[in-house]
Amino acid sequence: QVQLVESGGGLVQAGGSLRLSCAASEPISKTDILSWHRQPTGKQRDVVAIITSSGDKIYGAFVRGRFTLSRDLAKNTVDLQMNNLRPEDTAVHYCNINSGWRVDWGQGIQVTVSS
């Protein structure tokens, strides 16, 4: 099982920025599907952003140009730069790696945006 460790969460004021990082314990392949998800308290888990197996990036409709997903195959990391954060972005954020035959999740990290 691949261990995914998330970092970079915390408390920020509305309009501020955070950079979430997900470090994998094993090498990430360029064909792996990499993604960040979020789950507000009492609500379902939604996709924030995905890097597909072909390298395309797809963002949730609520992102609206505020977030940027990136990967570093040399460092085995997947980062999510979040700018212009809003109170409705408050949620536990999860990293996910889908290798096709295996799916791994991080433990989750809290992002709280105050108004």
Protein backbone atom coordinates (compact mmCIF):
# COMPACT_ATOMS: atom_id res chain seq x y z
CA GLN A 1 0.00 0.00 0.00
CA VAL A 2 1.30 3.43 -0.93
CA GLN A 3 1.43 5.87 1.97
CA LEU A 4 0.23 9.38 1.14
CA VAL A 5 1.08 12.17 3.54
CA GLU A 6 -0.68 15.51 3.15
CA SER A 7 0.63 18.81 4.48
CA GLY A 8 0.03 22.52 4.14
CA GLY A 9 -3.48 22.84 5.52
CA GLY A 10 -4.58 25.21 8.24
CA LEU A 11 -6.55 28.36 8.96
CA VAL A 12 -6.58 31.28 6.56
CA GLN A 13 -8.69 34.38 6.06
CA ALA A 14 -10.97 34.75 3.08
CA GLY A 15 -8.97 35.86 0.06
CA GLY A 16 -5.84 34.15 1.32
CA SER A 17 -3.84 31.25 -0.11
CA LEU A 18 -2.70 27.81 0.93
CA ARG A 19 -0.57 25.22 -0.82
CA LEU A 20 -1.42 21.61 -0.09
CA SER A 21 1.22 18.98 -0.75
CA CYS A 22 0.84 15.21 -0.97
CA ALA A 23 3.97 13.07 -0.69
CA ALA A 24 3.86 9.45 -1.84
CA SER A 25 6.00 6.73 -0.26
CA GLU A 26 6.59 5.11 -3.67
CA PRO A 27 7.31 6.50 -7.13
CA ILE A 28 4.43 8.11 -9.00
CA SER A 29 3.98 7.06 -12.60
CA LYS A 30 3.13 9.62 -15.29
CA THR A 31 0.10 7.47 -16.13
CA ASP A 32 -1.26 7.48 -12.57
CA ILE A 33 -4.45 9.46 -12.07
CA LEU A 34 -3.70 12.01 -9.35
CA SER A 35 -6.37 14.02 -7.58
CA TRP A 36 -7.40 16.11 -4.63
CA HIS A 37 -10.85 15.82 -3.08
CA ARG A 38 -12.61 17.65 -0.30
CA GLN A 39 -15.33 16.86 2.18
CA PRO A 40 -17.06 19.57 4.20
CA THR A 41 -18.50 18.46 7.54
CA GLY A 42 -21.74 16.57 7.01
CA LYS A 43 -21.48 16.64 3.23
CA GLN A 44 -20.28 14.30 0.50
CA ARG A 45 -16.73 14.13 -0.79
CA ASP A 46 -16.22 16.01 -4.05
CA VAL A 47 -13.41 16.15 -6.57
CA VAL A 48 -11.38 19.37 -6.50
CA ALA A 49 -8.89 18.65 -9.27
CA ILE A 50 -7.54 15.72 -11.30
CA ILE A 51 -4.50 15.01 -13.44
CA THR A 52 -5.57 12.30 -15.87
CA SER A 53 -3.45 9.41 -17.13
CA SER A 54 -2.72 11.49 -20.23
CA GLY A 55 -1.61 14.50 -18.18
CA ASP A 56 -4.70 16.66 -18.67
CA LYS A 57 -5.92 18.70 -15.71
CA ILE A 58 -9.58 18.92 -14.79
CA TYR A 59 -11.02 21.13 -12.08
CA GLY A 60 -14.29 21.18 -10.24
CA ALA A 61 -16.73 23.87 -11.37
CA PHE A 62 -16.42 25.67 -8.03
CA VAL A 63 -12.67 26.21 -8.56
CA ARG A 64 -13.23 28.91 -11.20
CA GLY A 65 -9.55 29.51 -11.92
CA ARG A 66 -8.51 29.86 -8.28
CA PHE A 67 -6.60 26.58 -7.84
CA THR A 68 -3.68 24.98 -9.67
CA LEU A 69 -2.83 21.28 -9.52
CA SER A 70 0.71 20.15 -10.19
CA ARG A 71 2.86 17.05 -9.87
CA ASP A 72 6.56 16.44 -9.47
CA LEU A 73 7.46 12.92 -10.53
CA ALA A 74 11.03 13.35 -9.31
CA LYS A 75 9.83 14.17 -5.80
CA ASN A 76 6.72 11.95 -5.88
CA THR A 77 4.48 14.83 -4.88
CA VAL A 78 1.13 16.22 -5.95
CA ASP A 79 0.46 19.82 -4.95
CA LEU A 80 -2.65 21.96 -4.94
CA GLN A 81 -2.12 25.71 -4.91
CA MET A 82 -5.28 27.40 -3.67
CA ASN A 83 -5.70 31.16 -4.08
CA ASN A 84 -8.54 33.53 -3.28
CA LEU A 85 -9.96 31.10 -0.75
CA ARG A 86 -13.55 31.45 0.38
CA PRO A 87 -15.33 30.29 3.57
CA GLU A 88 -17.15 27.68 1.48
CA ASP A 89 -13.79 26.06 0.71
CA THR A 90 -13.61 24.93 4.34
CA ALA A 91 -13.30 21.13 4.33
CA VAL A 92 -11.06 18.17 4.96
CA HIS A 93 -8.96 17.72 1.83
CA TYR A 94 -7.75 14.32 0.64
CA CYS A 95 -5.06 13.27 -1.80
CA ASN A 96 -5.72 10.29 -4.07
CA ILE A 97 -3.59 8.22 -6.44
CA ASN A 98 -5.23 5.77 -8.81
CA SER A 99 -2.80 3.40 -10.50
CA GLY A 100 -5.56 1.46 -12.23
CA TRP A 101 -5.07 -1.66 -10.19
CA ARG A 102 -4.76 0.15 -6.85
CA VAL A 103 -6.30 3.24 -5.29
CA ASP A 104 -4.71 4.97 -2.32
CA TRP A 105 -5.98 7.82 -0.13
CA GLY A 106 -4.23 10.16 2.24
CA GLN A 107 -5.46 10.62 5.79
CA GLY A 108 -6.93 14.03 5.05
CA ILE A 109 -5.96 17.54 6.10
CA GLN A 110 -8.17 20.35 7.35
CA VAL A 111 -8.51 23.63 5.48
CA THR A 112 -10.48 26.32 7.28
CA VAL A 113 -11.27 29.68 5.71
CA SER A 114 -12.58 32.40 8.00
CA SER A 115 -14.77 35.23 6.77
